[in-house]
Amino acid sequence: MKMMNCPLNGLRNISEFTYGGQVHTMPDPSTCDDQSWARYVFYEENDIGIVREWWQHTPSSYWFIVERHNGSDDILRTYDPGELFIDRVDFRTPEGAS
């Protein structure tokens, strides 16, 4: 049985988790073009090696980051996103839009 360590809830069965995609640096939403934003949202790198990914502990809805080798599927580290992300992003609706 495969297990993963949730930073909030401890060691759990892998069936309790949901994959959320790779962690990427977000482009500035107010200045990037549509192609750059689409690449950020929809595309992932598929090189073999260590990747940083979003995972959710589904029962608690807690999102965290996993560093995993995608060739061997070994989980190297799990941690709270607060270690990476300090600033909050405020998405504002353009004036005149509803």
PDB file of N, CA and C in Angstrom:
ATOM      1  N   MET A   1       0.847  -1.167   0.000  1.00  0.00           N
ATOM      2  CA  MET A   1       0.000   0.000   0.000  1.00  0.00           C
ATOM      3  C   MET A   1       0.901   1.242   0.000  1.00  0.00           C
ATOM      4  N   LYS A   2       0.647   2.166  -0.916  1.00  0.00           N
ATOM      5  CA  LYS A   2       1.440   3.392  -0.998  1.00  0.00           C
ATOM      6  C   LYS A   2       0.901   4.413  -0.002  1.00  0.00           C
ATOM      7  N   MET A   3       1.831   5.059   0.683  1.00  0.00           N
ATOM      8  CA  MET A   3       1.482   6.045   1.696  1.00  0.00           C
ATOM      9  C   MET A   3       2.125   7.385   1.334  1.00  0.00           C
ATOM     10  N   MET A   4       1.480   8.474   1.774  1.00  0.00           N
ATOM     11  CA  MET A   4       2.043   9.807   1.598  1.00  0.00           C
ATOM     12  C   MET A   4       1.879  10.560   2.914  1.00  0.00           C
ATOM     13  N   ASN A   5       2.885  11.365   3.233  1.00  0.00           N
ATOM     14  CA  ASN A   5       2.820  12.168   4.441  1.00  0.00           C
ATOM     15  C   ASN A   5       2.177  13.507   4.140  1.00  0.00           C
ATOM     16  N   CYS A   6       1.034  13.766   4.754  1.00  0.00           N
ATOM     17  CA  CYS A   6       0.366  15.065   4.640  1.00  0.00           C
ATOM     18  C   CYS A   6       0.961  15.960   5.726  1.00  0.00           C
ATOM     19  N   PRO A   7       1.423  17.166   5.391  1.00  0.00           N
ATOM     20  CA  PRO A   7       1.999  18.042   6.406  1.00  0.00           C
ATOM     21  C   PRO A   7       1.029  18.399   7.534  1.00  0.00           C
ATOM     22  N   LEU A   8      -0.262  18.337   7.262  1.00  0.00           N
ATOM     23  CA  LEU A   8      -1.273  18.672   8.269  1.00  0.00           C
ATOM     24  C   LEU A   8      -1.787  17.450   9.013  1.00  0.00           C
ATOM     25  N   ASN A   9      -2.002  16.338   8.292  1.00  0.00           N
ATOM     26  CA  ASN A   9      -2.685  15.178   8.852  1.00  0.00           C
ATOM     27  C   ASN A   9      -1.809  13.948   9.068  1.00  0.00           C
ATOM     28  N   GLY A  10      -0.548  14.018   8.697  1.00  0.00           N
ATOM     29  CA  GLY A  10       0.359  12.892   8.907  1.00  0.00           C
ATOM     30  C   GLY A  10       0.294  11.861   7.788  1.00  0.00           C
ATOM     31  N   LEU A  11       0.851  10.692   8.055  1.00  0.00           N
ATOM     32  CA  LEU A  11       0.958   9.620   7.074  1.00  0.00           C
ATOM     33  C   LEU A  11      -0.425   9.045   6.755  1.00  0.00           C
ATOM     34  N   ARG A  12      -0.761   9.004   5.463  1.00  0.00           N
ATOM     35  CA  ARG A  12      -2.080   8.542   5.022  1.00  0.00           C
ATOM     36  C   ARG A  12      -1.944   7.676   3.772  1.00  0.00           C
ATOM     37  N   ASN A  13      -2.973   6.864   3.518  1.00  0.00           N
ATOM     38  CA  ASN A  13      -3.061   6.057   2.312  1.00  0.00           C
ATOM     39  C   ASN A  13      -3.160   6.987   1.110  1.00  0.00           C
ATOM     40  N   ILE A  14      -2.496   6.654   0.028  1.00  0.00           N
ATOM     41  CA  ILE A  14      -2.468   7.498  -1.170  1.00  0.00           C
ATOM     42  C   ILE A  14      -3.869   7.722  -1.751  1.00  0.00           C
ATOM     43  N   SER A  15      -4.798   6.825  -1.461  1.00  0.00           N
ATOM     44  CA  SER A  15      -6.167   6.974  -1.987  1.00  0.00           C
ATOM     45  C   SER A  15      -6.881   8.192  -1.393  1.00  0.00           C
ATOM     46  N   GLU A  16      -6.349   8.787  -0.334  1.00  0.00           N
ATOM     47  CA  GLU A  16      -6.963   9.961   0.283  1.00  0.00           C
ATOM     48  C   GLU A  16      -6.537  11.269  -0.385  1.00  0.00           C
ATOM     49  N   PHE A  17      -5.701  11.189  -1.432  1.00  0.00           N
ATOM     50  CA  PHE A  17      -5.139  12.397  -2.027  1.00  0.00           C
ATOM     51  C   PHE A  17      -5.585  12.580  -3.471  1.00  0.00           C
ATOM     52  N   THR A  18      -5.609  13.837  -3.896  1.00  0.00           N
ATOM     53  CA  THR A  18      -5.947  14.207  -5.268  1.00  0.00           C
ATOM     54  C   THR A  18      -4.808  15.039  -5.838  1.00  0.00           C
ATOM     55  N   TYR A  19      -4.356  14.664  -7.037  1.00  0.00           N
ATOM     56  CA  TYR A  19      -3.282  15.381  -7.725  1.00  0.00           C
ATOM     57  C   TYR A  19      -3.825  16.692  -8.277  1.00  0.00           C
ATOM     58  N   GLY A  20      -3.044  17.766  -8.155  1.00  0.00           N
ATOM     59  CA  GLY A  20      -3.502  19.067  -8.622  1.00  0.00           C
ATOM     60  C   GLY A  20      -2.641  19.721  -9.675  1.00  0.00           C
ATOM     61  N   GLY A  21      -1.632  19.013 -10.203  1.00  0.00           N
ATOM     62  CA  GLY A  21      -0.789  19.583 -11.246  1.00  0.00           C
ATOM     63  C   GLY A  21       0.538  20.086 -10.711  1.00  0.00           C
ATOM     64  N   GLN A  22       1.411  20.460 -11.627  1.00  0.00           N
ATOM     65  CA  GLN A  22       2.740  20.926 -11.251  1.00  0.00           C
ATOM     66  C   GLN A  22       2.698  22.352 -10.716  1.00  0.00           C
ATOM     67  N   VAL A  23       3.629  22.661  -9.851  1.00  0.00           N
ATOM     68  CA  VAL A  23       3.782  24.015  -9.329  1.00  0.00           C
ATOM     69  C   VAL A  23       4.614  24.798 -10.339  1.00  0.00           C
ATOM     70  N   HIS A  24       4.062  25.890 -10.839  1.00  0.00           N
ATOM     71  CA  HIS A  24       4.752  26.762 -11.787  1.00  0.00           C
ATOM     72  C   HIS A  24       4.737  28.184 -11.255  1.00  0.00           C
ATOM     73  N   THR A  25       5.684  28.972 -11.690  1.00  0.00           N
ATOM     74  CA  THR A  25       5.657  30.395 -11.369  1.00  0.00           C
ATOM     75  C   THR A  25       4.573  31.048 -12.205  1.00  0.00           C
ATOM     76  N   MET A  26       3.643  31.715 -11.548  1.00  0.00           N
ATOM     77  CA  MET A  26       2.518  32.327 -12.247  1.00  0.00           C
ATOM     78  C   MET A  26       2.957  33.616 -12.940  1.00  0.00           C
ATOM     79  N   PRO A  27       2.603  33.761 -14.231  1.00  0.00           N
ATOM     80  CA  PRO A  27       2.903  35.031 -14.899  1.00  0.00           C
ATOM     81  C   PRO A  27       1.989  36.124 -14.350  1.00  0.00           C
ATOM     82  N   ASP A  28       2.382  37.366 -14.529  1.00  0.00           N
ATOM     83  CA  ASP A  28       1.554  38.481 -14.065  1.00  0.00           C
ATOM     84  C   ASP A  28       0.265  38.510 -14.889  1.00  0.00           C
ATOM     85  N   PRO A  29      -0.888  38.258 -14.269  1.00  0.00           N
ATOM     86  CA  PRO A  29      -2.135  38.181 -15.035  1.00  0.00           C
ATOM     87  C   PRO A  29      -2.534  39.497 -15.701  1.00  0.00           C
ATOM     88  N   SER A  30      -2.000  40.608 -15.216  1.00  0.00           N
ATOM     89  CA  SER A  30      -2.378  41.891 -15.816  1.00  0.00           C
ATOM     90  C   SER A  30      -1.527  42.240 -17.037  1.00  0.00           C
ATOM     91  N   THR A  31      -0.407  41.529 -17.243  1.00  0.00           N
ATOM     92  CA  THR A  31       0.466  41.884 -18.367  1.00  0.00           C
ATOM     93  C   THR A  31       0.745  40.738 -19.334  1.00  0.00           C
ATOM     94  N   CYS A  32       0.442  39.498 -18.972  1.00  0.00           N
ATOM     95  CA  CYS A  32       0.785  38.393 -19.875  1.00  0.00           C
ATOM     96  C   CYS A  32      -0.275  38.240 -20.972  1.00  0.00           C
ATOM     97  N   ASP A  33       0.144  37.659 -22.090  1.00  0.00           N
ATOM     98  CA  ASP A  33      -0.792  37.432 -23.187  1.00  0.00           C
ATOM     99  C   ASP A  33      -1.553  36.111 -22.965  1.00  0.00           C
ATOM    100  N   ASP A  34      -2.558  35.866 -23.786  1.00  0.00           N
ATOM    101  CA  ASP A  34      -3.406  34.680 -23.636  1.00  0.00           C
ATOM    102  C   ASP A  34      -2.607  33.387 -23.776  1.00  0.00           C
ATOM    103  N   GLN A  35      -1.642  33.366 -24.684  1.00  0.00           N
ATOM    104  CA  GLN A  35      -0.850  32.154 -24.899  1.00  0.00           C
ATOM    105  C   GLN A  35      -0.020  31.815 -23.655  1.00  0.00           C
ATOM    106  N   SER A  36       0.573  32.806 -23.030  1.00  0.00           N
ATOM    107  CA  SER A  36       1.362  32.579 -21.813  1.00  0.00           C
ATOM    108  C   SER A  36       0.480  32.098 -20.670  1.00  0.00           C
ATOM    109  N   TRP A  37      -0.709  32.684 -20.550  1.00  0.00           N
ATOM    110  CA  TRP A  37      -1.623  32.270 -19.481  1.00  0.00           C
ATOM    111  C   TRP A  37      -2.122  30.837 -19.715  1.00  0.00           C
ATOM    112  N   ALA A  38      -2.439  30.498 -20.947  1.00  0.00           N
ATOM    113  CA  ALA A  38      -2.888  29.139 -21.267  1.00  0.00           C
ATOM    114  C   ALA A  38      -1.785  28.124 -20.982  1.00  0.00           C
ATOM    115  N   ARG A  39      -0.551  28.464 -21.306  1.00  0.00           N
ATOM    116  CA  ARG A  39       0.569  27.555 -21.021  1.00  0.00           C
ATOM    117  C   ARG A  39       0.701  27.335 -19.515  1.00  0.00           C
ATOM    118  N   TYR A  40       0.560  28.393 -18.736  1.00  0.00           N
ATOM    119  CA  TYR A  40       0.647  28.287 -17.283  1.00  0.00           C
ATOM    120  C   TYR A  40      -0.466  27.390 -16.724  1.00  0.00           C
ATOM    121  N   VAL A  41      -1.671  27.557 -17.229  1.00  0.00           N
ATOM    122  CA  VAL A  41      -2.826  26.819 -16.695  1.00  0.00           C
ATOM    123  C   VAL A  41      -2.876  25.366 -17.175  1.00  0.00           C
ATOM    124  N   PHE A  42      -2.575  25.113 -18.446  1.00  0.00           N
ATOM    125  CA  PHE A  42      -2.873  23.808 -19.032  1.00  0.00           C
ATOM    126  C   PHE A  42      -1.684  22.886 -19.299  1.00  0.00           C
ATOM    127  N   TYR A  43      -0.473  23.398 -19.400  1.00  0.00           N
ATOM    128  CA  TYR A  43       0.645  22.562 -19.818  1.00  0.00           C
ATOM    129  C   TYR A  43       1.571  22.203 -18.660  1.00  0.00           C
ATOM    130  N   GLU A  44       2.155  21.014 -18.760  1.00  0.00           N
ATOM    131  CA  GLU A  44       3.115  20.542 -17.776  1.00  0.00           C
ATOM    132  C   GLU A  44       4.373  20.078 -18.489  1.00  0.00           C
ATOM    133  N   GLU A  45       5.495  20.155 -17.791  1.00  0.00           N
ATOM    134  CA  GLU A  45       6.745  19.621 -18.311  1.00  0.00           C
ATOM    135  C   GLU A  45       6.741  18.111 -18.055  1.00  0.00           C
ATOM    136  N   ASN A  46       7.219  17.334 -19.004  1.00  0.00           N
ATOM    137  CA  ASN A  46       7.210  15.878 -18.858  1.00  0.00           C
ATOM    138  C   ASN A  46       8.608  15.271 -18.793  1.00  0.00           C
ATOM    139  N   ASP A  47       9.596  16.078 -18.460  1.00  0.00           N
ATOM    140  CA  ASP A  47      10.950  15.549 -18.323  1.00  0.00           C
ATOM    141  C   ASP A  47      11.019  14.641 -17.102  1.00  0.00           C
ATOM    142  N   ILE A  48      11.824  13.581 -17.200  1.00  0.00           N
ATOM    143  CA  ILE A  48      12.017  12.681 -16.070  1.00  0.00           C
ATOM    144  C   ILE A  48      12.931  13.365 -15.056  1.00  0.00           C
ATOM    145  N   GLY A  49      12.512  13.356 -13.818  1.00  0.00           N
ATOM    146  CA  GLY A  49      13.312  13.968 -12.754  1.00  0.00           C
ATOM    147  C   GLY A  49      12.428  14.376 -11.596  1.00  0.00           C
ATOM    148  N   ILE A  50      12.962  15.218 -10.749  1.00  0.00           N
ATOM    149  CA  ILE A  50      12.219  15.676  -9.577  1.00  0.00           C
ATOM    150  C   ILE A  50      11.295  16.810  -9.990  1.00  0.00           C
ATOM    151  N   VAL A  51      10.018  16.665  -9.655  1.00  0.00           N
ATOM    152  CA  VAL A  51       9.008  17.672  -9.969  1.00  0.00           C
ATOM    153  C   VAL A  51       8.370  18.151  -8.675  1.00  0.00           C
ATOM    154  N   ARG A  52       7.882  19.362  -8.714  1.00  0.00           N
ATOM    155  CA  ARG A  52       7.160  19.951  -7.588  1.00  0.00           C
ATOM    156  C   ARG A  52       5.685  20.005  -7.989  1.00  0.00           C
ATOM    157  N   GLU A  53       4.813  19.397  -7.163  1.00  0.00           N
ATOM    158  CA  GLU A  53       3.408  19.242  -7.542  1.00  0.00           C
ATOM    159  C   GLU A  53       2.476  19.678  -6.414  1.00  0.00           C
ATOM    160  N   TRP A  54       1.276  20.104  -6.821  1.00  0.00           N
ATOM    161  CA  TRP A  54       0.199  20.369  -5.878  1.00  0.00           C
ATOM    162  C   TRP A  54      -0.542  19.061  -5.602  1.00  0.00           C
ATOM    163  N   TRP A  55      -0.807  18.786  -4.334  1.00  0.00           N
ATOM    164  CA  TRP A  55      -1.635  17.651  -3.942  1.00  0.00           C
ATOM    165  C   TRP A  55      -2.615  18.127  -2.875  1.00  0.00           C
ATOM    166  N   GLN A  56      -3.772  17.472  -2.835  1.00  0.00           N
ATOM    167  CA  GLN A  56      -4.778  17.806  -1.830  1.00  0.00           C
ATOM    168  C   GLN A  56      -5.095  16.576  -0.999  1.00  0.00           C
ATOM    169  N   HIS A  57      -5.117  16.752   0.328  1.00  0.00           N
ATOM    170  CA  HIS A  57      -5.664  15.696   1.187  1.00  0.00           C
ATOM    171  C   HIS A  57      -7.165  15.900   1.115  1.00  0.00           C
ATOM    172  N   THR A  58      -7.845  15.039   0.370  1.00  0.00           N
ATOM    173  CA  THR A  58      -9.245  15.240   0.020  1.00  0.00           C
ATOM    174  C   THR A  58     -10.175  15.336   1.227  1.00  0.00           C
ATOM    175  N   PRO A  59     -10.067  14.463   2.246  1.00  0.00           N
ATOM    176  CA  PRO A  59     -11.001  14.572   3.383  1.00  0.00           C
ATOM    177  C   PRO A  59     -10.918  15.908   4.127  1.00  0.00           C
ATOM    178  N   SER A  60      -9.735  16.521   4.173  1.00  0.00           N
ATOM    179  CA  SER A  60      -9.606  17.784   4.906  1.00  0.00           C
ATOM    180  C   SER A  60      -9.536  19.000   3.983  1.00  0.00           C
ATOM    181  N   SER A  61      -9.499  18.776   2.670  1.00  0.00           N
ATOM    182  CA  SER A  61      -9.379  19.841   1.664  1.00  0.00           C
ATOM    183  C   SER A  61      -8.106  20.671   1.831  1.00  0.00           C
ATOM    184  N   TYR A  62      -7.074  20.065   2.364  1.00  0.00           N
ATOM    185  CA  TYR A  62      -5.802  20.755   2.600  1.00  0.00           C
ATOM    186  C   TYR A  62      -4.878  20.570   1.398  1.00  0.00           C
ATOM    187  N   TRP A  63      -4.457  21.691   0.799  1.00  0.00           N
ATOM    188  CA  TRP A  63      -3.541  21.677  -0.338  1.00  0.00           C
ATOM    189  C   TRP A  63      -2.116  21.845   0.162  1.00  0.00           C
ATOM    190  N   PHE A  64      -1.190  21.088  -0.416  1.00  0.00           N
ATOM    191  CA  PHE A  64       0.206  21.170  -0.041  1.00  0.00           C
ATOM    192  C   PHE A  64       1.067  20.817  -1.244  1.00  0.00           C
ATOM    193  N   ILE A  65       2.379  20.907  -1.077  1.00  0.00           N
ATOM    194  CA  ILE A  65       3.308  20.671  -2.171  1.00  0.00           C
ATOM    195  C   ILE A  65       4.103  19.400  -1.916  1.00  0.00           C
ATOM    196  N   VAL A  66       4.291  18.634  -2.997  1.00  0.00           N
ATOM    197  CA  VAL A  66       5.060  17.393  -2.945  1.00  0.00           C
ATOM    198  C   VAL A  66       6.221  17.509  -3.923  1.00  0.00           C
ATOM    199  N   GLU A  67       7.400  17.133  -3.486  1.00  0.00           N
ATOM    200  CA  GLU A  67       8.529  16.970  -4.399  1.00  0.00           C
ATOM    201  C   GLU A  67       8.668  15.475  -4.633  1.00  0.00           C
ATOM    202  N   ARG A  68       8.552  15.070  -5.907  1.00  0.00           N
ATOM    203  CA  ARG A  68       8.473  13.654  -6.265  1.00  0.00           C
ATOM    204  C   ARG A  68       9.325  13.400  -7.497  1.00  0.00           C
ATOM    205  N   HIS A  69       9.978  12.251  -7.536  1.00  0.00           N
ATOM    206  CA  HIS A  69      10.689  11.850  -8.746  1.00  0.00           C
ATOM    207  C   HIS A  69       9.670  11.152  -9.634  1.00  0.00           C
ATOM    208  N   ASN A  70       9.375  11.731 -10.784  1.00  0.00           N
ATOM    209  CA  ASN A  70       8.304  11.181 -11.618  1.00  0.00           C
ATOM    210  C   ASN A  70       8.710   9.944 -12.414  1.00  0.00           C
ATOM    211  N   GLY A  71       9.972   9.569 -12.357  1.00  0.00           N
ATOM    212  CA  GLY A  71      10.412   8.327 -12.998  1.00  0.00           C
ATOM    213  C   GLY A  71      10.241   7.138 -12.068  1.00  0.00           C
ATOM    214  N   SER A  72      10.648   7.308 -10.831  1.00  0.00           N
ATOM    215  CA  SER A  72      10.552   6.214  -9.850  1.00  0.00           C
ATOM    216  C   SER A  72       9.304   6.319  -8.991  1.00  0.00           C
ATOM    217  N   ASP A  73       8.617   7.456  -9.021  1.00  0.00           N
ATOM    218  CA  ASP A  73       7.431   7.749  -8.222  1.00  0.00           C
ATOM    219  C   ASP A  73       7.753   7.830  -6.728  1.00  0.00           C
ATOM    220  N   ASP A  74       9.015   8.058  -6.393  1.00  0.00           N
ATOM    221  CA  ASP A  74       9.405   8.223  -4.993  1.00  0.00           C
ATOM    222  C   ASP A  74       9.060   9.633  -4.526  1.00  0.00           C
ATOM    223  N   ILE A  75       8.409   9.718  -3.372  1.00  0.00           N
ATOM    224  CA  ILE A  75       8.088  11.007  -2.769  1.00  0.00           C
ATOM    225  C   ILE A  75       9.272  11.410  -1.897  1.00  0.00           C
ATOM    226  N   LEU A  76       9.871  12.555  -2.213  1.00  0.00           N
ATOM    227  CA  LEU A  76      11.056  13.011  -1.512  1.00  0.00           C
ATOM    228  C   LEU A  76      10.723  13.928  -0.342  1.00  0.00           C
ATOM    229  N   ARG A  77       9.670  14.739  -0.520  1.00  0.00           N
ATOM    230  CA  ARG A  77       9.350  15.723   0.506  1.00  0.00           C
ATOM    231  C   ARG A  77       7.930  16.219   0.321  1.00  0.00           C
ATOM    232  N   THR A  78       7.244  16.497   1.428  1.00  0.00           N
ATOM    233  CA  THR A  78       5.940  17.154   1.394  1.00  0.00           C
ATOM    234  C   THR A  78       6.006  18.345   2.343  1.00  0.00           C
ATOM    235  N   TYR A  79       5.377  19.467   1.948  1.00  0.00           N
ATOM    236  CA  TYR A  79       5.429  20.650   2.812  1.00  0.00           C
ATOM    237  C   TYR A  79       4.293  21.616   2.507  1.00  0.00           C
ATOM    238  N   ASP A  80       4.067  22.502   3.474  1.00  0.00           N
ATOM    239  CA  ASP A  80       3.018  23.513   3.360  1.00  0.00           C
ATOM    240  C   ASP A  80       3.398  24.537   2.295  1.00  0.00           C
ATOM    241  N   PRO A  81       2.438  25.005   1.497  1.00  0.00           N
ATOM    242  CA  PRO A  81       2.752  25.992   0.453  1.00  0.00           C
ATOM    243  C   PRO A  81       3.279  27.312   1.000  1.00  0.00           C
ATOM    244  N   GLY A  82       3.049  27.579   2.282  1.00  0.00           N
ATOM    245  CA  GLY A  82       3.566  28.802   2.886  1.00  0.00           C
ATOM    246  C   GLY A  82       5.081  28.892   2.854  1.00  0.00           C
ATOM    247  N   GLU A  83       5.756  27.753   2.666  1.00  0.00           N
ATOM    248  CA  GLU A  83       7.212  27.777   2.541  1.00  0.00           C
ATOM    249  C   GLU A  83       7.656  28.375   1.205  1.00  0.00           C
ATOM    250  N   LEU A  84       6.788  28.309   0.199  1.00  0.00           N
ATOM    251  CA  LEU A  84       7.107  28.820  -1.140  1.00  0.00           C
ATOM    252  C   LEU A  84       6.422  30.140  -1.449  1.00  0.00           C
ATOM    253  N   PHE A  85       5.171  30.246  -1.034  1.00  0.00           N
ATOM    254  CA  PHE A  85       4.344  31.387  -1.418  1.00  0.00           C
ATOM    255  C   PHE A  85       4.071  32.267  -0.212  1.00  0.00           C
ATOM    256  N   ILE A  86       4.547  33.503  -0.298  1.00  0.00           N
ATOM    257  CA  ILE A  86       4.366  34.441   0.808  1.00  0.00           C
ATOM    258  C   ILE A  86       3.291  35.464   0.462  1.00  0.00           C
ATOM    259  N   ASP A  87       3.304  35.945  -0.775  1.00  0.00           N
ATOM    260  CA  ASP A  87       2.374  36.992  -1.188  1.00  0.00           C
ATOM    261  C   ASP A  87       1.051  36.417  -1.671  1.00  0.00           C
ATOM    262  N   ARG A  88      -0.014  37.109  -1.373  1.00  0.00           N
ATOM    263  CA  ARG A  88      -1.346  36.728  -1.848  1.00  0.00           C
ATOM    264  C   ARG A  88      -1.576  37.427  -3.189  1.00  0.00           C
ATOM    265  N   VAL A  89      -2.160  36.714  -4.145  1.00  0.00           N
ATOM    266  CA  VAL A  89      -2.474  37.290  -5.450  1.00  0.00           C
ATOM    267  C   VAL A  89      -3.925  37.745  -5.426  1.00  0.00           C
ATOM    268  N   ASP A  90      -4.147  39.000  -5.760  1.00  0.00           N
ATOM    269  CA  ASP A  90      -5.492  39.552  -5.774  1.00  0.00           C
ATOM    270  C   ASP A  90      -5.944  39.683  -7.236  1.00  0.00           C
ATOM    271  N   PHE A  91      -6.853  38.806  -7.644  1.00  0.00           N
ATOM    272  CA  PHE A  91      -7.393  38.855  -9.008  1.00  0.00           C
ATOM    273  C   PHE A  91      -8.570  39.825  -9.005  1.00  0.00           C
ATOM    274  N   ARG A  92      -8.439  40.891  -9.715  1.00  0.00           N
ATOM    275  CA  ARG A  92      -9.499  41.884  -9.755  1.00  0.00           C
ATOM    276  C   ARG A  92     -10.227  41.810 -11.092  1.00  0.00           C
ATOM    277  N   THR A  93     -11.529  42.043 -11.048  1.00  0.00           N
ATOM    278  CA  THR A  93     -12.328  42.101 -12.260  1.00  0.00           C
ATOM    279  C   THR A  93     -12.094  43.454 -12.905  1.00  0.00           C
ATOM    280  N   PRO A  94     -11.798  43.484 -14.214  1.00  0.00           N
ATOM    281  CA  PRO A  94     -11.592  44.783 -14.879  1.00  0.00           C
ATOM    282  C   PRO A  94     -12.826  45.652 -14.738  1.00  0.00           C
ATOM    283  N   GLU A  95     -12.617  46.949 -14.605  1.00  0.00           N
ATOM    284  CA  GLU A  95     -13.741  47.866 -14.486  1.00  0.00           C
ATOM    285  C   GLU A  95     -14.634  47.784 -15.714  1.00  0.00           C
ATOM    286  N   GLY A  96     -15.923  47.811 -15.473  1.00  0.00           N
ATOM    287  CA  GLY A  96     -16.893  47.714 -16.567  1.00  0.00           C
ATOM    288  C   GLY A  96     -17.326  46.296 -16.864  1.00  0.00           C
ATOM    289  N   ALA A  97     -16.582  45.291 -16.371  1.00  0.00           N
ATOM    290  CA  ALA A  97     -16.969  43.890 -16.579  1.00  0.00           C
ATOM    291  C   ALA A  97     -17.909  43.476 -15.465  1.00  0.00           C
ATOM    292  N   SER A  98     -18.789  42.556 -15.777  1.00  0.00           N
ATOM    293  CA  SER A  98     -19.716  42.099 -14.733  1.00  0.00           C
ATOM    294  C   SER A  98     -19.539  40.639 -14.448  1.00  0.00           C
TER     295      SER A  98
END
